[in-house]
Amino acid sequence: MGQGYLLSSPDDGQSVLLEAVRRVDAAMCKVRDAGKVKTRDRIAVLASLNLAVEMAELALQLRQTQANLQAALATVAPTAANTPSQEATMAQWADISRRLDEVLAKPQEPE
């Protein structure tokens, strides 16, 4: 909304930070342009809530996708005699699933 801030990020995180800035700015401009809220702090709160709802919806979609992948793997993987490559693939999927659960379980910290 035309306001500048000095931010820092790790060298490898600059593109992620710039995308986050773009999203926050767009969300705040959308609230401002709706015309019902005028003060910057209220615009920021409403934009934050809108972004949080969007993140929660994405988290639910990821969980559903994870459940669908696990169900698909259960039907595809033979239960009687797994080959070493199938066992490695199943272990990789289990690791991905575990890491996804960890990421989704972490609370988002406000900045």
PDB file of N, CA and C in Angstrom:
ATOM      1  N   MET A   1       0.819  -1.182   0.000  1.00  0.00           N
ATOM      2  CA  MET A   1       0.000   0.000   0.000  1.00  0.00           C
ATOM      3  C   MET A   1       0.870   1.256   0.000  1.00  0.00           C
ATOM      4  N   GLY A   2       1.997   1.165  -0.684  1.00  0.00           N
ATOM      5  CA  GLY A   2       2.867   2.314  -0.822  1.00  0.00           C
ATOM      6  C   GLY A   2       3.770   2.562   0.360  1.00  0.00           C
ATOM      7  N   GLN A   3       3.810   1.651   1.307  1.00  0.00           N
ATOM      8  CA  GLN A   3       4.637   1.812   2.495  1.00  0.00           C
ATOM      9  C   GLN A   3       5.897   0.969   2.321  1.00  0.00           C
ATOM     10  N   GLY A   4       7.056   1.544   2.617  1.00  0.00           N
ATOM     11  CA  GLY A   4       8.304   0.808   2.480  1.00  0.00           C
ATOM     12  C   GLY A   4       8.796   0.303   3.822  1.00  0.00           C
ATOM     13  N   TYR A   5       9.405  -0.852   3.811  1.00  0.00           N
ATOM     14  CA  TYR A   5       9.982  -1.449   5.008  1.00  0.00           C
ATOM     15  C   TYR A   5      11.328  -2.045   4.651  1.00  0.00           C
ATOM     16  N   LEU A   6      12.253  -1.999   5.599  1.00  0.00           N
ATOM     17  CA  LEU A   6      13.551  -2.631   5.421  1.00  0.00           C
ATOM     18  C   LEU A   6      13.457  -4.021   6.037  1.00  0.00           C
ATOM     19  N   LEU A   7      13.599  -5.043   5.217  1.00  0.00           N
ATOM     20  CA  LEU A   7      13.476  -6.431   5.671  1.00  0.00           C
ATOM     21  C   LEU A   7      14.762  -7.164   5.374  1.00  0.00           C
ATOM     22  N   SER A   8      15.017  -8.201   6.135  1.00  0.00           N
ATOM     23  CA  SER A   8      16.179  -9.042   5.848  1.00  0.00           C
ATOM     24  C   SER A   8      15.728 -10.486   5.741  1.00  0.00           C
ATOM     25  N   SER A   9      16.506 -11.240   4.983  1.00  0.00           N
ATOM     26  CA  SER A   9      16.218 -12.660   4.821  1.00  0.00           C
ATOM     27  C   SER A   9      17.509 -13.366   4.475  1.00  0.00           C
ATOM     28  N   PRO A  10      17.547 -14.669   4.672  1.00  0.00           N
ATOM     29  CA  PRO A  10      18.717 -15.418   4.203  1.00  0.00           C
ATOM     30  C   PRO A  10      18.831 -15.276   2.689  1.00  0.00           C
ATOM     31  N   ASP A  11      20.036 -15.419   2.172  1.00  0.00           N
ATOM     32  CA  ASP A  11      20.246 -15.266   0.734  1.00  0.00           C
ATOM     33  C   ASP A  11      19.329 -16.165  -0.075  1.00  0.00           C
ATOM     34  N   ASP A  12      19.121 -17.381   0.394  1.00  0.00           N
ATOM     35  CA  ASP A  12      18.288 -18.320  -0.355  1.00  0.00           C
ATOM     36  C   ASP A  12      16.795 -18.115  -0.095  1.00  0.00           C
ATOM     37  N   GLY A  13      16.429 -17.171   0.783  1.00  0.00           N
ATOM     38  CA  GLY A  13      15.029 -16.945   1.092  1.00  0.00           C
ATOM     39  C   GLY A  13      14.463 -15.667   0.523  1.00  0.00           C
ATOM     40  N   GLN A  14      15.245 -14.953  -0.263  1.00  0.00           N
ATOM     41  CA  GLN A  14      14.796 -13.663  -0.766  1.00  0.00           C
ATOM     42  C   GLN A  14      13.575 -13.790  -1.677  1.00  0.00           C
ATOM     43  N   SER A  15      13.571 -14.766  -2.548  1.00  0.00           N
ATOM     44  CA  SER A  15      12.431 -14.907  -3.465  1.00  0.00           C
ATOM     45  C   SER A  15      11.149 -15.248  -2.701  1.00  0.00           C
ATOM     46  N   VAL A  16      11.271 -16.041  -1.644  1.00  0.00           N
ATOM     47  CA  VAL A  16      10.101 -16.382  -0.830  1.00  0.00           C
ATOM     48  C   VAL A  16       9.604 -15.140  -0.094  1.00  0.00           C
ATOM     49  N   LEU A  17      10.529 -14.352   0.444  1.00  0.00           N
ATOM     50  CA  LEU A  17      10.147 -13.126   1.140  1.00  0.00           C
ATOM     51  C   LEU A  17       9.465 -12.148   0.191  1.00  0.00           C
ATOM     52  N   LEU A  18      10.004 -12.000  -0.999  1.00  0.00           N
ATOM     53  CA  LEU A  18       9.395 -11.082  -1.975  1.00  0.00           C
ATOM     54  C   LEU A  18       7.992 -11.542  -2.375  1.00  0.00           C
ATOM     55  N   GLU A  19       7.806 -12.834  -2.503  1.00  0.00           N
ATOM     56  CA  GLU A  19       6.470 -13.360  -2.813  1.00  0.00           C
ATOM     57  C   GLU A  19       5.514 -13.094  -1.648  1.00  0.00           C
ATOM     58  N   ALA A  20       5.988 -13.266  -0.418  1.00  0.00           N
ATOM     59  CA  ALA A  20       5.155 -12.987   0.754  1.00  0.00           C
ATOM     60  C   ALA A  20       4.776 -11.510   0.802  1.00  0.00           C
ATOM     61  N   VAL A  21       5.734 -10.635   0.509  1.00  0.00           N
ATOM     62  CA  VAL A  21       5.453  -9.191   0.479  1.00  0.00           C
ATOM     63  C   VAL A  21       4.393  -8.885  -0.575  1.00  0.00           C
ATOM     64  N   ARG A  22       4.530  -9.488  -1.732  1.00  0.00           N
ATOM     65  CA  ARG A  22       3.561  -9.267  -2.797  1.00  0.00           C
ATOM     66  C   ARG A  22       2.165  -9.712  -2.374  1.00  0.00           C
ATOM     67  N   ARG A  23       2.083 -10.873  -1.725  1.00  0.00           N
ATOM     68  CA  ARG A  23       0.784 -11.395  -1.293  1.00  0.00           C
ATOM     69  C   ARG A  23       0.146 -10.511  -0.222  1.00  0.00           C
ATOM     70  N   VAL A  24       0.951 -10.073   0.755  1.00  0.00           N
ATOM     71  CA  VAL A  24       0.424  -9.220   1.819  1.00  0.00           C
ATOM     72  C   VAL A  24      -0.040  -7.891   1.234  1.00  0.00           C
ATOM     73  N   ASP A  25       0.765  -7.304   0.362  1.00  0.00           N
ATOM     74  CA  ASP A  25       0.387  -6.033  -0.254  1.00  0.00           C
ATOM     75  C   ASP A  25      -0.915  -6.186  -1.041  1.00  0.00           C
ATOM     76  N   ALA A  26      -1.025  -7.245  -1.814  1.00  0.00           N
ATOM     77  CA  ALA A  26      -2.239  -7.473  -2.601  1.00  0.00           C
ATOM     78  C   ALA A  26      -3.455  -7.658  -1.691  1.00  0.00           C
ATOM     79  N   ALA A  27      -3.285  -8.408  -0.613  1.00  0.00           N
ATOM     80  CA  ALA A  27      -4.395  -8.643   0.313  1.00  0.00           C
ATOM     81  C   ALA A  27      -4.818  -7.343   0.983  1.00  0.00           C
ATOM     82  N   MET A  28      -3.849  -6.517   1.371  1.00  0.00           N
ATOM     83  CA  MET A  28      -4.182  -5.243   2.014  1.00  0.00           C
ATOM     84  C   MET A  28      -4.859  -4.289   1.027  1.00  0.00           C
ATOM     85  N   CYS A  29      -4.365  -4.236  -0.192  1.00  0.00           N
ATOM     86  CA  CYS A  29      -4.979  -3.370  -1.206  1.00  0.00           C
ATOM     87  C   CYS A  29      -6.411  -3.808  -1.502  1.00  0.00           C
ATOM     88  N   LYS A  30      -6.649  -5.105  -1.507  1.00  0.00           N
ATOM     89  CA  LYS A  30      -7.994  -5.623  -1.769  1.00  0.00           C
ATOM     90  C   LYS A  30      -8.963  -5.183  -0.670  1.00  0.00           C
ATOM     91  N   VAL A  31      -8.515  -5.264   0.589  1.00  0.00           N
ATOM     92  CA  VAL A  31      -9.356  -4.818   1.704  1.00  0.00           C
ATOM     93  C   VAL A  31      -9.583  -3.311   1.611  1.00  0.00           C
ATOM     94  N   ARG A  32      -8.514  -2.562   1.356  1.00  0.00           N
ATOM     95  CA  ARG A  32      -8.622  -1.103   1.251  1.00  0.00           C
ATOM     96  C   ARG A  32      -9.569  -0.709   0.116  1.00  0.00           C
ATOM     97  N   ASP A  33      -9.422  -1.372  -1.034  1.00  0.00           N
ATOM     98  CA  ASP A  33     -10.219  -1.022  -2.200  1.00  0.00           C
ATOM     99  C   ASP A  33     -11.699  -1.386  -2.041  1.00  0.00           C
ATOM    100  N   ALA A  34     -11.989  -2.302  -1.125  1.00  0.00           N
ATOM    101  CA  ALA A  34     -13.391  -2.630  -0.854  1.00  0.00           C
ATOM    102  C   ALA A  34     -14.099  -1.433  -0.222  1.00  0.00           C
ATOM    103  N   GLY A  35     -13.323  -0.526   0.381  1.00  0.00           N
ATOM    104  CA  GLY A  35     -13.852   0.745   0.844  1.00  0.00           C
ATOM    105  C   GLY A  35     -14.509   0.766   2.196  1.00  0.00           C
ATOM    106  N   LYS A  36     -14.599  -0.365   2.875  1.00  0.00           N
ATOM    107  CA  LYS A  36     -15.303  -0.381   4.159  1.00  0.00           C
ATOM    108  C   LYS A  36     -14.378  -0.080   5.334  1.00  0.00           C
ATOM    109  N   VAL A  37     -13.078  -0.278   5.150  1.00  0.00           N
ATOM    110  CA  VAL A  37     -12.113  -0.080   6.232  1.00  0.00           C
ATOM    111  C   VAL A  37     -11.104   0.963   5.776  1.00  0.00           C
ATOM    112  N   LYS A  38     -10.814   1.909   6.644  1.00  0.00           N
ATOM    113  CA  LYS A  38      -9.937   3.015   6.254  1.00  0.00           C
ATOM    114  C   LYS A  38      -8.588   3.006   6.976  1.00  0.00           C
ATOM    115  N   THR A  39      -8.539   2.550   8.219  1.00  0.00           N
ATOM    116  CA  THR A  39      -7.282   2.648   8.969  1.00  0.00           C
ATOM    117  C   THR A  39      -6.361   1.493   8.601  1.00  0.00           C
ATOM    118  N   ARG A  40      -5.074   1.837   8.536  1.00  0.00           N
ATOM    119  CA  ARG A  40      -4.061   0.874   8.116  1.00  0.00           C
ATOM    120  C   ARG A  40      -4.003  -0.355   9.022  1.00  0.00           C
ATOM    121  N   ASP A  41      -4.139  -0.154  10.337  1.00  0.00           N
ATOM    122  CA  ASP A  41      -4.048  -1.300  11.241  1.00  0.00           C
ATOM    123  C   ASP A  41      -5.222  -2.261  11.056  1.00  0.00           C
ATOM    124  N   ARG A  42      -6.394  -1.747  10.834  1.00  0.00           N
ATOM    125  CA  ARG A  42      -7.558  -2.619  10.604  1.00  0.00           C
ATOM    126  C   ARG A  42      -7.454  -3.319   9.245  1.00  0.00           C
ATOM    127  N   ILE A  43      -6.952  -2.605   8.268  1.00  0.00           N
ATOM    128  CA  ILE A  43      -6.720  -3.228   6.957  1.00  0.00           C
ATOM    129  C   ILE A  43      -5.739  -4.376   7.104  1.00  0.00           C
ATOM    130  N   ALA A  44      -4.664  -4.153   7.874  1.00  0.00           N
ATOM    131  CA  ALA A  44      -3.653  -5.197   8.073  1.00  0.00           C
ATOM    132  C   ALA A  44      -4.241  -6.410   8.780  1.00  0.00           C
ATOM    133  N   VAL A  45      -5.073  -6.177   9.788  1.00  0.00           N
ATOM    134  CA  VAL A  45      -5.687  -7.293  10.518  1.00  0.00           C
ATOM    135  C   VAL A  45      -6.605  -8.096   9.599  1.00  0.00           C
ATOM    136  N   LEU A  46      -7.457  -7.415   8.853  1.00  0.00           N
ATOM    137  CA  LEU A  46      -8.371  -8.128   7.952  1.00  0.00           C
ATOM    138  C   LEU A  46      -7.612  -8.870   6.854  1.00  0.00           C
ATOM    139  N   ALA A  47      -6.579  -8.230   6.310  1.00  0.00           N
ATOM    140  CA  ALA A  47      -5.773  -8.898   5.285  1.00  0.00           C
ATOM    141  C   ALA A  47      -5.087 -10.129   5.871  1.00  0.00           C
ATOM    142  N   SER A  48      -4.587 -10.023   7.104  1.00  0.00           N
ATOM    143  CA  SER A  48      -3.940 -11.170   7.764  1.00  0.00           C
ATOM    144  C   SER A  48      -4.921 -12.313   7.956  1.00  0.00           C
ATOM    145  N   LEU A  49      -6.133 -11.978   8.381  1.00  0.00           N
ATOM    146  CA  LEU A  49      -7.152 -13.020   8.551  1.00  0.00           C
ATOM    147  C   LEU A  49      -7.490 -13.681   7.219  1.00  0.00           C
ATOM    148  N   ASN A  50      -7.618 -12.885   6.172  1.00  0.00           N
ATOM    149  CA  ASN A  50      -7.889 -13.452   4.848  1.00  0.00           C
ATOM    150  C   ASN A  50      -6.781 -14.389   4.414  1.00  0.00           C
ATOM    151  N   LEU A  51      -5.525 -13.991   4.637  1.00  0.00           N
ATOM    152  CA  LEU A  51      -4.388 -14.843   4.270  1.00  0.00           C
ATOM    153  C   LEU A  51      -4.361 -16.108   5.133  1.00  0.00           C
ATOM    154  N   ALA A  52      -4.699 -15.981   6.412  1.00  0.00           N
ATOM    155  CA  ALA A  52      -4.715 -17.152   7.294  1.00  0.00           C
ATOM    156  C   ALA A  52      -5.779 -18.154   6.852  1.00  0.00           C
ATOM    157  N   VAL A  53      -6.940 -17.662   6.447  1.00  0.00           N
ATOM    158  CA  VAL A  53      -7.989 -18.551   5.942  1.00  0.00           C
ATOM    159  C   VAL A  53      -7.507 -19.259   4.680  1.00  0.00           C
ATOM    160  N   GLU A  54      -6.854 -18.503   3.800  1.00  0.00           N
ATOM    161  CA  GLU A  54      -6.314 -19.103   2.572  1.00  0.00           C
ATOM    162  C   GLU A  54      -5.303 -20.200   2.898  1.00  0.00           C
ATOM    163  N   MET A  55      -4.411 -19.948   3.876  1.00  0.00           N
ATOM    164  CA  MET A  55      -3.430 -20.962   4.274  1.00  0.00           C
ATOM    165  C   MET A  55      -4.108 -22.184   4.878  1.00  0.00           C
ATOM    166  N   ALA A  56      -5.148 -21.968   5.688  1.00  0.00           N
ATOM    167  CA  ALA A  56      -5.854 -23.090   6.297  1.00  0.00           C
ATOM    168  C   ALA A  56      -6.533 -23.945   5.228  1.00  0.00           C
ATOM    169  N   GLU A  57      -7.111 -23.294   4.223  1.00  0.00           N
ATOM    170  CA  GLU A  57      -7.735 -24.038   3.123  1.00  0.00           C
ATOM    171  C   GLU A  57      -6.692 -24.855   2.369  1.00  0.00           C
ATOM    172  N   LEU A  58      -5.519 -24.266   2.135  1.00  0.00           N
ATOM    173  CA  LEU A  58      -4.452 -25.004   1.460  1.00  0.00           C
ATOM    174  C   LEU A  58      -3.969 -26.179   2.300  1.00  0.00           C
ATOM    175  N   ALA A  59      -3.876 -25.982   3.610  1.00  0.00           N
ATOM    176  CA  ALA A  59      -3.460 -27.073   4.497  1.00  0.00           C
ATOM    177  C   ALA A  59      -4.458 -28.224   4.445  1.00  0.00           C
ATOM    178  N   LEU A  60      -5.745 -27.899   4.432  1.00  0.00           N
ATOM    179  CA  LEU A  60      -6.767 -28.943   4.320  1.00  0.00           C
ATOM    180  C   LEU A  60      -6.654 -29.690   2.993  1.00  0.00           C
ATOM    181  N   GLN A  61      -6.402 -28.942   1.914  1.00  0.00           N
ATOM    182  CA  GLN A  61      -6.228 -29.573   0.604  1.00  0.00           C
ATOM    183  C   GLN A  61      -5.010 -30.486   0.600  1.00  0.00           C
ATOM    184  N   LEU A  62      -3.917 -30.056   1.236  1.00  0.00           N
ATOM    185  CA  LEU A  62      -2.717 -30.890   1.309  1.00  0.00           C
ATOM    186  C   LEU A  62      -2.981 -32.167   2.100  1.00  0.00           C
ATOM    187  N   ARG A  63      -3.701 -32.024   3.198  1.00  0.00           N
ATOM    188  CA  ARG A  63      -4.032 -33.218   3.997  1.00  0.00           C
ATOM    189  C   ARG A  63      -4.892 -34.193   3.194  1.00  0.00           C
ATOM    190  N   GLN A  64      -5.859 -33.658   2.436  1.00  0.00           N
ATOM    191  CA  GLN A  64      -6.709 -34.522   1.621  1.00  0.00           C
ATOM    192  C   GLN A  64      -5.895 -35.195   0.531  1.00  0.00           C
ATOM    193  N   THR A  65      -4.997 -34.444  -0.089  1.00  0.00           N
ATOM    194  CA  THR A  65      -4.120 -35.020  -1.117  1.00  0.00           C
ATOM    195  C   THR A  65      -3.241 -36.105  -0.517  1.00  0.00           C
ATOM    196  N   GLN A  66      -2.716 -35.848   0.677  1.00  0.00           N
ATOM    197  CA  GLN A  66      -1.899 -36.842   1.362  1.00  0.00           C
ATOM    198  C   GLN A  66      -2.705 -38.108   1.626  1.00  0.00           C
ATOM    199  N   ALA A  67      -3.925 -37.947   2.114  1.00  0.00           N
ATOM    200  CA  ALA A  67      -4.779 -39.116   2.380  1.00  0.00           C
ATOM    201  C   ALA A  67      -5.065 -39.874   1.090  1.00  0.00           C
ATOM    202  N   ASN A  68      -5.324 -39.141   0.002  1.00  0.00           N
ATOM    203  CA  ASN A  68      -5.571 -39.788  -1.288  1.00  0.00           C
ATOM    204  C   ASN A  68      -4.342 -40.543  -1.776  1.00  0.00           C
ATOM    205  N   LEU A  69      -3.155 -39.950  -1.620  1.00  0.00           N
ATOM    206  CA  LEU A  69      -1.918 -40.629  -2.025  1.00  0.00           C
ATOM    207  C   LEU A  69      -1.685 -41.894  -1.199  1.00  0.00           C
ATOM    208  N   GLN A  70      -1.925 -41.788   0.098  1.00  0.00           N
ATOM    209  CA  GLN A  70      -1.742 -42.962   0.947  1.00  0.00           C
ATOM    210  C   GLN A  70      -2.720 -44.067   0.574  1.00  0.00           C
ATOM    211  N   ALA A  71      -3.944 -43.691   0.275  1.00  0.00           N
ATOM    212  CA  ALA A  71      -4.940 -44.687  -0.137  1.00  0.00           C
ATOM    213  C   ALA A  71      -4.543 -45.309  -1.476  1.00  0.00           C
ATOM    214  N   ALA A  72      -4.067 -44.484  -2.400  1.00  0.00           N
ATOM    215  CA  ALA A  72      -3.640 -45.000  -3.705  1.00  0.00           C
ATOM    216  C   ALA A  72      -2.453 -45.935  -3.545  1.00  0.00           C
ATOM    217  N   LEU A  73      -1.502 -45.568  -2.696  1.00  0.00           N
ATOM    218  CA  LEU A  73      -0.343 -46.436  -2.468  1.00  0.00           C
ATOM    219  C   LEU A  73      -0.757 -47.762  -1.847  1.00  0.00           C
ATOM    220  N   ALA A  74      -1.721 -47.714  -0.970  1.00  0.00           N
ATOM    221  CA  ALA A  74      -2.172 -48.943  -0.322  1.00  0.00           C
ATOM    222  C   ALA A  74      -2.816 -49.895  -1.324  1.00  0.00           C
ATOM    223  N   THR A  75      -3.485 -49.357  -2.336  1.00  0.00           N
ATOM    224  CA  THR A  75      -4.123 -50.223  -3.315  1.00  0.00           C
ATOM    225  C   THR A  75      -3.146 -50.687  -4.392  1.00  0.00           C
ATOM    226  N   VAL A  76      -2.103 -49.891  -4.648  1.00  0.00           N
ATOM    227  CA  VAL A  76      -1.147 -50.225  -5.703  1.00  0.00           C
ATOM    228  C   VAL A  76      -0.084 -51.182  -5.207  1.00  0.00           C
ATOM    229  N   ALA A  77       0.386 -50.971  -4.001  1.00  0.00           N
ATOM    230  CA  ALA A  77       1.491 -51.786  -3.478  1.00  0.00           C
ATOM    231  C   ALA A  77       0.988 -53.177  -3.122  1.00  0.00           C
ATOM    232  N   PRO A  78       1.599 -54.191  -3.708  1.00  0.00           N
ATOM    233  CA  PRO A  78       1.201 -55.556  -3.338  1.00  0.00           C
ATOM    234  C   PRO A  78       1.597 -55.848  -1.888  1.00  0.00           C
ATOM    235  N   THR A  79       0.721 -56.517  -1.180  1.00  0.00           N
ATOM    236  CA  THR A  79       0.993 -56.786   0.228  1.00  0.00           C
ATOM    237  C   THR A  79       1.756 -58.087   0.437  1.00  0.00           C
ATOM    238  N   ALA A  80       1.692 -59.002  -0.497  1.00  0.00           N
ATOM    239  CA  ALA A  80       2.309 -60.306  -0.284  1.00  0.00           C
ATOM    240  C   ALA A  80       3.825 -60.258  -0.407  1.00  0.00           C
ATOM    241  N   ALA A  81       4.338 -59.791  -1.524  1.00  0.00           N
ATOM    242  CA  ALA A  81       5.785 -59.832  -1.752  1.00  0.00           C
ATOM    243  C   ALA A  81       6.241 -58.521  -2.371  1.00  0.00           C
ATOM    244  N   ASN A  82       6.754 -57.624  -1.548  1.00  0.00           N
ATOM    245  CA  ASN A  82       7.283 -56.361  -2.055  1.00  0.00           C
ATOM    246  C   ASN A  82       8.717 -56.560  -2.533  1.00  0.00           C
ATOM    247  N   THR A  83       9.029 -56.000  -3.673  1.00  0.00           N
ATOM    248  CA  THR A  83      10.407 -56.032  -4.149  1.00  0.00           C
ATOM    249  C   THR A  83      11.192 -54.950  -3.424  1.00  0.00           C
ATOM    250  N   PRO A  84      12.538 -55.026  -3.429  1.00  0.00           N
ATOM    251  CA  PRO A  84      13.326 -53.985  -2.752  1.00  0.00           C
ATOM    252  C   PRO A  84      13.018 -52.575  -3.251  1.00  0.00           C
ATOM    253  N   SER A  85      12.790 -52.410  -4.562  1.00  0.00           N
ATOM    254  CA  SER A  85      12.505 -51.067  -5.068  1.00  0.00           C
ATOM    255  C   SER A  85      11.143 -50.573  -4.592  1.00  0.00           C
ATOM    256  N   GLN A  86      10.186 -51.487  -4.490  1.00  0.00           N
ATOM    257  CA  GLN A  86       8.875 -51.092  -3.979  1.00  0.00           C
ATOM    258  C   GLN A  86       8.969 -50.705  -2.508  1.00  0.00           C
ATOM    259  N   GLU A  87       9.749 -51.443  -1.755  1.00  0.00           N
ATOM    260  CA  GLU A  87       9.919 -51.123  -0.337  1.00  0.00           C
ATOM    261  C   GLU A  87      10.599 -49.771  -0.169  1.00  0.00           C
ATOM    262  N   ALA A  88      11.583 -49.471  -1.007  1.00  0.00           N
ATOM    263  CA  ALA A  88      12.257 -48.172  -0.952  1.00  0.00           C
ATOM    264  C   ALA A  88      11.282 -47.053  -1.293  1.00  0.00           C
ATOM    265  N   THR A  89      10.455 -47.275  -2.291  1.00  0.00           N
ATOM    266  CA  THR A  89       9.460 -46.270  -2.673  1.00  0.00           C
ATOM    267  C   THR A  89       8.471 -46.047  -1.549  1.00  0.00           C
ATOM    268  N   MET A  90       8.011 -47.121  -0.936  1.00  0.00           N
ATOM    269  CA  MET A  90       7.073 -46.991   0.179  1.00  0.00           C
ATOM    270  C   MET A  90       7.725 -46.246   1.345  1.00  0.00           C
ATOM    271  N   ALA A  91       8.998 -46.503   1.601  1.00  0.00           N
ATOM    272  CA  ALA A  91       9.701 -45.804   2.677  1.00  0.00           C
ATOM    273  C   ALA A  91       9.832 -44.318   2.360  1.00  0.00           C
ATOM    274  N   GLN A  92      10.094 -44.001   1.091  1.00  0.00           N
ATOM    275  CA  GLN A  92      10.184 -42.595   0.697  1.00  0.00           C
ATOM    276  C   GLN A  92       8.838 -41.896   0.882  1.00  0.00           C
ATOM    277  N   TRP A  93       7.753 -42.556   0.478  1.00  0.00           N
ATOM    278  CA  TRP A  93       6.428 -41.963   0.638  1.00  0.00           C
ATOM    279  C   TRP A  93       6.093 -41.791   2.117  1.00  0.00           C
ATOM    280  N   ALA A  94       6.474 -42.755   2.920  1.00  0.00           N
ATOM    281  CA  ALA A  94       6.220 -42.643   4.359  1.00  0.00           C
ATOM    282  C   ALA A  94       6.996 -41.466   4.946  1.00  0.00           C
ATOM    283  N   ASP A  95       8.239 -41.266   4.489  1.00  0.00           N
ATOM    284  CA  ASP A  95       9.044 -40.143   4.958  1.00  0.00           C
ATOM    285  C   ASP A  95       8.432 -38.815   4.518  1.00  0.00           C
ATOM    286  N   ILE A  96       7.995 -38.740   3.267  1.00  0.00           N
ATOM    287  CA  ILE A  96       7.348 -37.525   2.760  1.00  0.00           C
ATOM    288  C   ILE A  96       6.081 -37.238   3.565  1.00  0.00           C
ATOM    289  N   SER A  97       5.318 -38.264   3.830  1.00  0.00           N
ATOM    290  CA  SER A  97       4.088 -38.110   4.598  1.00  0.00           C
ATOM    291  C   SER A  97       4.387 -37.604   6.011  1.00  0.00           C
ATOM    292  N   ARG A  98       5.415 -38.162   6.642  1.00  0.00           N
ATOM    293  CA  ARG A  98       5.800 -37.746   7.994  1.00  0.00           C
ATOM    294  C   ARG A  98       6.234 -36.286   8.005  1.00  0.00           C
ATOM    295  N   ARG A  99       7.061 -35.890   7.015  1.00  0.00           N
ATOM    296  CA  ARG A  99       7.534 -34.508   6.957  1.00  0.00           C
ATOM    297  C   ARG A  99       6.385 -33.538   6.680  1.00  0.00           C
ATOM    298  N   LEU A 100       5.449 -33.935   5.834  1.00  0.00           N
ATOM    299  CA  LEU A 100       4.277 -33.102   5.548  1.00  0.00           C
ATOM    300  C   LEU A 100       3.455 -32.909   6.815  1.00  0.00           C
ATOM    301  N   ASP A 101       3.271 -33.980   7.577  1.00  0.00           N
ATOM    302  CA  ASP A 101       2.549 -33.866   8.849  1.00  0.00           C
ATOM    303  C   ASP A 101       3.238 -32.886   9.795  1.00  0.00           C
ATOM    304  N   GLU A 102       4.580 -32.938   9.853  1.00  0.00           N
ATOM    305  CA  GLU A 102       5.333 -32.040  10.730  1.00  0.00           C
ATOM    306  C   GLU A 102       5.143 -30.586  10.314  1.00  0.00           C
ATOM    307  N   VAL A 103       5.214 -30.306   9.011  1.00  0.00           N
ATOM    308  CA  VAL A 103       5.055 -28.942   8.518  1.00  0.00           C
ATOM    309  C   VAL A 103       3.646 -28.432   8.797  1.00  0.00           C
ATOM    310  N   LEU A 104       2.645 -29.260   8.543  1.00  0.00           N
ATOM    311  CA  LEU A 104       1.268 -28.837   8.739  1.00  0.00           C
ATOM    312  C   LEU A 104       0.942 -28.677  10.222  1.00  0.00           C
ATOM    313  N   ALA A 105       1.649 -29.364  11.097  1.00  0.00           N
ATOM    314  CA  ALA A 105       1.364 -29.278  12.517  1.00  0.00           C
ATOM    315  C   ALA A 105       2.017 -28.052  13.164  1.00  0.00           C
ATOM    316  N   LYS A 106       3.006 -27.448  12.524  1.00  0.00           N
ATOM    317  CA  LYS A 106       3.681 -26.294  13.092  1.00  0.00           C
ATOM    318  C   LYS A 106       2.765 -25.076  13.066  1.00  0.00           C
ATOM    319  N   PRO A 107       2.624 -24.401  14.209  1.00  0.00           N
ATOM    320  CA  PRO A 107       1.832 -23.172  14.196  1.00  0.00           C
ATOM    321  C   PRO A 107       2.581 -22.074  13.451  1.00  0.00           C
ATOM    322  N   GLN A 108       1.862 -21.262  12.725  1.00  0.00           N
ATOM    323  CA  GLN A 108       2.470 -20.151  12.000  1.00  0.00           C
ATOM    324  C   GLN A 108       2.693 -19.005  12.974  1.00  0.00           C
ATOM    325  N   GLU A 109       3.919 -18.501  13.042  1.00  0.00           N
ATOM    326  CA  GLU A 109       4.236 -17.396  13.926  1.00  0.00           C
ATOM    327  C   GLU A 109       4.000 -16.082  13.216  1.00  0.00           C
ATOM    328  N   PRO A 110       3.313 -15.153  13.894  1.00  0.00           N
ATOM    329  CA  PRO A 110       3.131 -13.829  13.276  1.00  0.00           C
ATOM    330  C   PRO A 110       4.446 -13.093  13.225  1.00  0.00           C
ATOM    331  N   GLU A 111       4.610 -12.255  12.222  1.00  0.00           N
ATOM    332  CA  GLU A 111       5.856 -11.510  12.072  1.00  0.00           C
ATOM    333  C   GLU A 111       5.717 -10.143  12.663  1.00  0.00           C
TER     334      GLU A 111
END
